[in-house]
Every structure is written in C-alpha cells, then in structure tokens.
C-alpha cells in the first residue's frame, strides 16, 4: 500500500453539462440514391442542434455507416450518403446529436446502381 500518493480531483465548480432533446424525424428526402454515394439526404423534423463547445453535432446513420451531418436549422439537417454496394434492401436511417446514441427515424434509404442506356 502506498500512502504518499496525492489524488487530485477536477474542480467541480467549473464543470458544465448541456442537456438537449432527442431529435425527432418527420421525413427524409430523397429515399433512394446511387451506390456511388454523395446523395444529399435532407432530414426534416425537430430539435436538431449544433453546439461545438459541448460536442453536440448532428449525425446520420444509414445502415452501418455513420455520417456527420450539416446543421441547417433546428428542424433540418443534411447528410451526404456514403458509397455502398448494398442494393438488396432498404437501410434504416437513424439520427444522433453525439455520434453514439442513435434514434431510429422510422425511415429507410435504398441504394441503386447507376442506370446504363444500351439502346434508344
């Protein structure tokens, strides 16, 4: 046992917490895009936020891909879809304000291959 170790605790007078409401999604547009990614997914709802000093940023999760979103206003964010080869079934869209705790939006996003014109 060591008796001469001094334990230093942070000054609790300077701690701040930022509480926010869980975002709510009313709709997403569009609901599908190319497998190459880059589709601007507009998420409309309520209680979106961005407070960098508290680590609060909008995020989208499409299937297993987490994307940092662009905060437009409290009722709208935009997330650029990542590339994906998953064209089999729609991917669930979730949102978060900390990149860890995601809420299912109830909406999905589907990927499709770029159409190729063979003959006219």
N, C-alpha and C. Protein backbone atom coordinates (compact mmCIF):
# COMPACT_ATOMS: atom_id res chain seq x y z
N UNK A 1 0.84 -1.17 0.00
CA UNK A 1 0.00 0.00 0.00
C UNK A 1 0.89 1.24 0.00
N UNK A 2 0.55 2.21 -0.82
CA UNK A 2 1.32 3.45 -0.93
C UNK A 2 0.52 4.56 -0.28
N UNK A 3 1.14 5.22 0.72
CA UNK A 3 0.43 6.27 1.45
C UNK A 3 0.76 7.67 0.97
N UNK A 4 1.80 7.84 0.17
CA UNK A 4 2.22 9.19 -0.19
C UNK A 4 1.75 9.63 -1.58
N UNK A 5 0.73 8.99 -2.13
CA UNK A 5 0.18 9.40 -3.43
C UNK A 5 -0.96 10.38 -3.18
N UNK A 6 -0.88 11.53 -3.84
CA UNK A 6 -1.92 12.54 -3.71
C UNK A 6 -2.89 12.40 -4.89
N UNK A 7 -4.13 12.24 -4.58
CA UNK A 7 -5.16 12.13 -5.61
C UNK A 7 -5.73 13.53 -5.84
N UNK A 8 -5.70 13.96 -7.11
CA UNK A 8 -6.19 15.29 -7.46
C UNK A 8 -7.48 15.12 -8.26
N UNK A 9 -8.53 15.72 -7.77
CA UNK A 9 -9.82 15.67 -8.45
C UNK A 9 -10.05 16.98 -9.18
N UNK A 10 -10.72 16.94 -10.34
CA UNK A 10 -11.00 18.19 -11.05
C UNK A 10 -11.90 19.10 -10.21
N UNK A 11 -11.76 20.36 -10.45
CA UNK A 11 -12.57 21.35 -9.76
C UNK A 11 -14.01 21.24 -10.25
N UNK A 12 -14.89 20.77 -9.42
CA UNK A 12 -16.27 20.54 -9.84
C UNK A 12 -17.05 21.84 -10.03
N UNK A 13 -16.50 22.97 -9.59
CA UNK A 13 -17.17 24.25 -9.78
C UNK A 13 -17.16 24.67 -11.25
N UNK A 14 -16.25 24.12 -12.05
CA UNK A 14 -16.12 24.55 -13.44
C UNK A 14 -16.72 23.55 -14.43
N UNK A 15 -17.39 22.54 -13.95
CA UNK A 15 -17.99 21.56 -14.85
C UNK A 15 -19.31 22.09 -15.40
N UNK A 16 -19.53 21.82 -16.69
CA UNK A 16 -20.79 22.23 -17.32
C UNK A 16 -21.40 21.02 -18.01
N UNK A 17 -22.69 20.97 -18.04
CA UNK A 17 -23.42 19.94 -18.76
C UNK A 17 -24.39 20.63 -19.70
N UNK A 18 -24.55 20.05 -20.87
CA UNK A 18 -25.50 20.59 -21.83
C UNK A 18 -26.54 19.51 -22.10
N UNK A 19 -27.76 19.76 -21.72
CA UNK A 19 -28.85 18.82 -21.95
C UNK A 19 -29.60 19.24 -23.21
N UNK A 20 -29.96 18.26 -24.02
CA UNK A 20 -30.70 18.56 -25.24
C UNK A 20 -31.79 17.52 -25.43
N UNK A 21 -32.77 17.90 -26.21
CA UNK A 21 -33.87 16.98 -26.51
C UNK A 21 -33.41 16.02 -27.60
N UNK A 22 -33.97 14.83 -27.58
CA UNK A 22 -33.69 13.85 -28.60
C UNK A 22 -34.32 14.32 -29.91
N UNK A 23 -33.57 14.32 -31.01
CA UNK A 23 -34.16 14.80 -32.27
C UNK A 23 -35.31 13.90 -32.74
N UNK A 24 -36.23 14.53 -33.44
CA UNK A 24 -37.41 13.85 -33.98
C UNK A 24 -37.37 14.02 -35.49
N UNK A 25 -37.62 12.95 -36.24
CA UNK A 25 -37.60 12.99 -37.71
C UNK A 25 -39.02 12.87 -38.23
N UNK A 26 -39.40 13.85 -39.06
CA UNK A 26 -40.74 13.86 -39.68
C UNK A 26 -40.70 13.27 -41.09
N UNK A 27 -39.60 13.54 -41.82
CA UNK A 27 -39.46 12.97 -43.16
C UNK A 27 -38.01 13.05 -43.61
N UNK A 28 -37.68 12.23 -44.62
CA UNK A 28 -36.38 12.31 -45.28
C UNK A 28 -36.62 12.40 -46.78
N UNK A 29 -35.75 13.14 -47.46
CA UNK A 29 -35.84 13.26 -48.92
C UNK A 29 -34.44 13.35 -49.50
N UNK A 30 -34.13 12.63 -50.54
CA UNK A 30 -34.90 11.56 -51.17
C UNK A 30 -34.79 10.27 -50.36
N UNK A 31 -35.50 9.26 -50.77
CA UNK A 31 -35.48 7.99 -50.05
C UNK A 31 -34.59 6.96 -50.75
N UNK A 32 -33.93 7.38 -51.85
CA UNK A 32 -33.01 6.47 -52.55
C UNK A 32 -31.95 7.29 -53.28
N UNK A 33 -30.83 6.61 -53.58
CA UNK A 33 -29.74 7.27 -54.28
C UNK A 33 -28.75 6.25 -54.83
N UNK A 34 -27.79 6.76 -55.58
CA UNK A 34 -26.80 5.91 -56.24
C UNK A 34 -25.86 5.21 -55.26
N UNK A 35 -25.40 4.02 -55.64
CA UNK A 35 -24.46 3.27 -54.82
C UNK A 35 -23.12 4.00 -54.70
N UNK A 36 -22.83 4.94 -55.59
CA UNK A 36 -21.57 5.70 -55.52
C UNK A 36 -21.59 6.72 -54.38
N UNK A 37 -22.77 6.94 -53.77
CA UNK A 37 -22.88 7.87 -52.64
C UNK A 37 -22.97 9.31 -53.10
N UNK A 38 -22.93 10.22 -52.15
CA UNK A 38 -22.96 11.65 -52.46
C UNK A 38 -24.35 12.25 -52.56
N UNK A 39 -25.39 11.46 -52.34
CA UNK A 39 -26.76 11.99 -52.35
C UNK A 39 -26.96 12.85 -51.11
N UNK A 40 -27.47 14.06 -51.29
CA UNK A 40 -27.74 14.93 -50.15
C UNK A 40 -29.10 14.53 -49.55
N UNK A 41 -29.02 13.86 -48.41
CA UNK A 41 -30.20 13.38 -47.72
C UNK A 41 -30.68 14.47 -46.78
N UNK A 42 -31.83 15.05 -47.08
CA UNK A 42 -32.39 16.12 -46.25
C UNK A 42 -33.30 15.49 -45.20
N UNK A 43 -32.98 15.73 -43.95
CA UNK A 43 -33.73 15.18 -42.83
C UNK A 43 -34.49 16.32 -42.17
N UNK A 44 -35.81 16.23 -42.15
CA UNK A 44 -36.66 17.27 -41.59
C UNK A 44 -37.34 16.74 -40.34
N UNK A 45 -37.40 17.58 -39.31
CA UNK A 45 -38.03 17.15 -38.07
C UNK A 45 -37.99 18.25 -37.04
N UNK A 46 -37.47 17.94 -35.86
CA UNK A 46 -37.41 18.92 -34.77
C UNK A 46 -36.26 18.59 -33.83
N UNK A 47 -35.81 19.61 -33.13
CA UNK A 47 -34.81 19.53 -32.06
C UNK A 47 -33.42 19.13 -32.53
N UNK A 48 -33.08 19.46 -33.78
CA UNK A 48 -31.70 19.28 -34.20
C UNK A 48 -30.89 20.42 -33.59
N UNK A 49 -29.61 20.18 -33.37
CA UNK A 49 -28.79 21.17 -32.67
C UNK A 49 -27.34 21.01 -33.08
N UNK A 50 -26.57 22.06 -32.83
CA UNK A 50 -25.12 22.01 -33.02
C UNK A 50 -24.49 22.97 -32.02
N UNK A 51 -23.75 22.43 -31.09
CA UNK A 51 -23.04 23.21 -30.07
C UNK A 51 -21.64 22.63 -29.95
N UNK A 52 -20.69 23.09 -30.78
CA UNK A 52 -19.33 22.52 -30.77
C UNK A 52 -18.66 22.53 -29.40
N UNK A 53 -18.93 23.57 -28.61
CA UNK A 53 -18.30 23.66 -27.29
C UNK A 53 -18.72 22.53 -26.35
N UNK A 54 -19.82 21.85 -26.67
CA UNK A 54 -20.30 20.73 -25.86
C UNK A 54 -20.23 19.40 -26.62
N UNK A 55 -19.64 19.40 -27.79
CA UNK A 55 -19.55 18.17 -28.57
C UNK A 55 -20.86 17.74 -29.19
N UNK A 56 -21.77 18.68 -29.39
CA UNK A 56 -23.09 18.37 -29.97
C UNK A 56 -23.07 18.71 -31.46
N UNK A 57 -23.20 17.67 -32.27
CA UNK A 57 -23.23 17.81 -33.73
C UNK A 57 -24.26 16.83 -34.27
N UNK A 58 -24.91 17.15 -35.40
CA UNK A 58 -25.85 16.20 -35.98
C UNK A 58 -25.12 15.07 -36.71
N UNK A 59 -25.64 13.87 -36.56
CA UNK A 59 -25.11 12.70 -37.25
C UNK A 59 -26.27 11.92 -37.83
N UNK A 60 -25.99 11.24 -38.94
CA UNK A 60 -26.93 10.28 -39.52
C UNK A 60 -26.24 8.93 -39.54
N UNK A 61 -27.02 7.90 -39.42
CA UNK A 61 -26.51 6.54 -39.57
C UNK A 61 -27.39 5.87 -40.60
N UNK A 62 -26.78 5.46 -41.70
CA UNK A 62 -27.52 4.79 -42.77
C UNK A 62 -26.99 3.36 -42.83
N UNK A 63 -27.82 2.42 -42.45
CA UNK A 63 -27.32 1.05 -42.31
C UNK A 63 -26.25 1.05 -41.23
N UNK A 64 -25.04 0.66 -41.58
CA UNK A 64 -23.93 0.65 -40.63
C UNK A 64 -22.98 1.81 -40.77
N UNK A 65 -23.28 2.77 -41.65
CA UNK A 65 -22.40 3.91 -41.90
C UNK A 65 -22.82 5.14 -41.10
N UNK A 66 -21.89 5.70 -40.32
CA UNK A 66 -22.15 6.92 -39.56
C UNK A 66 -21.58 8.10 -40.33
N UNK A 67 -22.39 9.13 -40.52
CA UNK A 67 -22.01 10.32 -41.29
C UNK A 67 -22.28 11.55 -40.45
N UNK A 68 -21.32 12.45 -40.39
CA UNK A 68 -21.56 13.72 -39.70
C UNK A 68 -22.42 14.57 -40.61
N UNK A 69 -23.50 15.10 -40.07
CA UNK A 69 -24.43 15.90 -40.86
C UNK A 69 -24.10 17.37 -40.83
N UNK A 70 -24.75 18.10 -41.68
CA UNK A 70 -24.63 19.56 -41.73
C UNK A 70 -25.87 20.16 -41.08
N UNK A 71 -25.65 20.93 -40.03
CA UNK A 71 -26.75 21.59 -39.33
C UNK A 71 -27.22 22.77 -40.18
N UNK A 72 -28.50 22.79 -40.54
CA UNK A 72 -29.08 23.89 -41.30
C UNK A 72 -29.88 24.78 -40.34
N UNK A 73 -30.78 24.17 -39.61
CA UNK A 73 -31.56 24.87 -38.59
C UNK A 73 -32.17 23.81 -37.67
N UNK A 74 -32.85 24.22 -36.64
CA UNK A 74 -33.33 23.27 -35.64
C UNK A 74 -34.30 22.23 -36.18
N UNK A 75 -34.85 22.47 -37.37
CA UNK A 75 -35.77 21.47 -37.94
C UNK A 75 -35.23 20.81 -39.21
N UNK A 76 -33.92 21.03 -39.52
CA UNK A 76 -33.40 20.43 -40.75
C UNK A 76 -31.89 20.22 -40.69
N UNK A 77 -31.46 19.02 -41.10
CA UNK A 77 -30.05 18.72 -41.29
C UNK A 77 -29.89 18.06 -42.65
N UNK A 78 -28.67 18.05 -43.17
CA UNK A 78 -28.38 17.38 -44.43
C UNK A 78 -27.20 16.44 -44.19
N UNK A 79 -27.36 15.20 -44.64
CA UNK A 79 -26.29 14.21 -44.54
C UNK A 79 -25.99 13.69 -45.94
N UNK A 80 -24.72 13.70 -46.32
CA UNK A 80 -24.32 13.19 -47.63
C UNK A 80 -24.11 11.68 -47.51
N UNK A 81 -24.83 10.92 -48.33
CA UNK A 81 -24.77 9.45 -48.21
C UNK A 81 -23.40 8.92 -48.62
N UNK A 82 -22.94 7.89 -47.90
CA UNK A 82 -21.67 7.26 -48.25
C UNK A 82 -21.87 6.26 -49.38
N UNK A 83 -20.79 5.87 -50.06
CA UNK A 83 -20.92 4.81 -51.07
C UNK A 83 -21.34 3.50 -50.40
N UNK A 84 -22.07 2.69 -51.13
CA UNK A 84 -22.49 1.38 -50.62
C UNK A 84 -22.85 0.48 -51.78
N UNK A 85 -22.52 -0.77 -51.67
CA UNK A 85 -22.91 -1.75 -52.69
C UNK A 85 -24.16 -2.51 -52.27
N UNK A 86 -24.76 -2.10 -51.16
CA UNK A 86 -25.93 -2.80 -50.63
C UNK A 86 -27.20 -2.36 -51.34
N UNK A 87 -27.54 -3.06 -52.40
CA UNK A 87 -28.76 -2.75 -53.14
C UNK A 87 -29.87 -3.76 -52.84
N UNK A 88 -29.61 -4.68 -51.93
CA UNK A 88 -30.56 -5.74 -51.64
C UNK A 88 -31.82 -5.30 -50.95
N UNK A 89 -31.69 -4.44 -49.96
CA UNK A 89 -32.87 -4.00 -49.22
C UNK A 89 -32.61 -2.62 -48.63
N UNK A 90 -33.67 -1.90 -48.26
CA UNK A 90 -33.50 -0.55 -47.69
C UNK A 90 -32.71 -0.57 -46.38
N UNK A 91 -31.92 0.49 -46.16
CA UNK A 91 -31.14 0.64 -44.93
C UNK A 91 -31.85 1.61 -44.00
N UNK A 92 -31.93 1.27 -42.73
CA UNK A 92 -32.56 2.14 -41.73
C UNK A 92 -31.78 3.44 -41.60
N UNK A 93 -32.50 4.54 -41.43
CA UNK A 93 -31.89 5.85 -41.20
C UNK A 93 -32.11 6.21 -39.74
N UNK A 94 -31.01 6.54 -39.06
CA UNK A 94 -31.07 6.93 -37.65
C UNK A 94 -30.38 8.28 -37.50
N UNK A 95 -30.69 9.00 -36.44
CA UNK A 95 -30.08 10.30 -36.18
C UNK A 95 -29.54 10.36 -34.75
N UNK A 96 -28.56 11.24 -34.55
CA UNK A 96 -27.94 11.40 -33.24
C UNK A 96 -27.37 12.82 -33.14
N UNK A 97 -27.20 13.28 -31.92
CA UNK A 97 -26.54 14.57 -31.70
C UNK A 97 -25.17 14.40 -31.03
N UNK A 98 -24.77 13.14 -30.79
CA UNK A 98 -23.45 12.92 -30.21
C UNK A 98 -22.65 11.85 -30.95
N UNK A 99 -23.20 11.25 -31.99
CA UNK A 99 -22.49 10.24 -32.76
C UNK A 99 -22.42 8.88 -32.08
N UNK A 100 -23.09 8.73 -30.95
CA UNK A 100 -23.06 7.48 -30.19
C UNK A 100 -24.47 6.94 -29.96
N UNK A 101 -25.34 7.79 -29.44
CA UNK A 101 -26.71 7.39 -29.11
C UNK A 101 -27.64 7.73 -30.27
N UNK A 102 -27.98 6.73 -31.07
CA UNK A 102 -28.79 6.96 -32.26
C UNK A 102 -30.26 6.62 -32.02
N UNK A 103 -31.12 7.38 -32.68
CA UNK A 103 -32.56 7.14 -32.60
C UNK A 103 -33.05 6.76 -34.00
N UNK A 104 -33.81 5.68 -34.07
CA UNK A 104 -34.36 5.24 -35.34
C UNK A 104 -35.38 6.27 -35.82
N UNK A 105 -35.26 6.68 -37.07
CA UNK A 105 -36.17 7.69 -37.61
C UNK A 105 -37.49 7.10 -38.09
N UNK A 106 -37.51 5.79 -38.29
CA UNK A 106 -38.69 5.16 -38.86
C UNK A 106 -38.68 5.19 -40.38
N UNK A 107 -37.62 5.76 -40.96
CA UNK A 107 -37.49 5.85 -42.41
C UNK A 107 -36.30 5.02 -42.88
N UNK A 108 -36.27 4.72 -44.17
CA UNK A 108 -35.15 3.96 -44.73
C UNK A 108 -34.68 4.61 -46.03
N UNK A 109 -33.46 4.26 -46.40
CA UNK A 109 -32.84 4.77 -47.62
C UNK A 109 -32.39 3.57 -48.43
N UNK A 110 -32.69 3.58 -49.74
CA UNK A 110 -32.32 2.47 -50.64
C UNK A 110 -31.27 2.93 -51.63
N UNK A 111 -30.33 2.06 -51.92
CA UNK A 111 -29.30 2.33 -52.92
C UNK A 111 -29.66 1.63 -54.23
N UNK A 112 -29.27 2.24 -55.35
CA UNK A 112 -29.46 1.61 -56.65
C UNK A 112 -28.25 1.90 -57.52
N UNK A 113 -28.02 1.00 -58.49
CA UNK A 113 -26.92 1.16 -59.43
C UNK A 113 -27.24 2.25 -60.44
N UNK A 114 -26.23 2.92 -60.93
CA UNK A 114 -26.41 3.94 -61.96
C UNK A 114 -26.97 3.26 -63.21
N UNK A 115 -28.09 3.78 -63.73
CA UNK A 115 -28.67 3.17 -64.94
C UNK A 115 -27.74 3.33 -66.14
N UNK A 116 -27.73 2.36 -66.99
CA UNK A 116 -26.92 2.41 -68.22
C UNK A 116 -27.87 2.27 -69.41
N UNK A 117 -27.77 3.22 -70.34
CA UNK A 117 -28.59 3.19 -71.55
C UNK A 117 -27.83 2.38 -72.59
N UNK A 118 -28.47 1.32 -73.10
CA UNK A 118 -27.83 0.46 -74.06
C UNK A 118 -28.31 0.75 -75.48
N UNK A 119 -29.57 1.14 -75.60
CA UNK A 119 -30.12 1.38 -76.93
C UNK A 119 -31.31 2.33 -76.82
N UNK A 120 -31.49 3.12 -77.86
CA UNK A 120 -32.63 4.02 -77.91
C UNK A 120 -33.48 3.67 -79.12
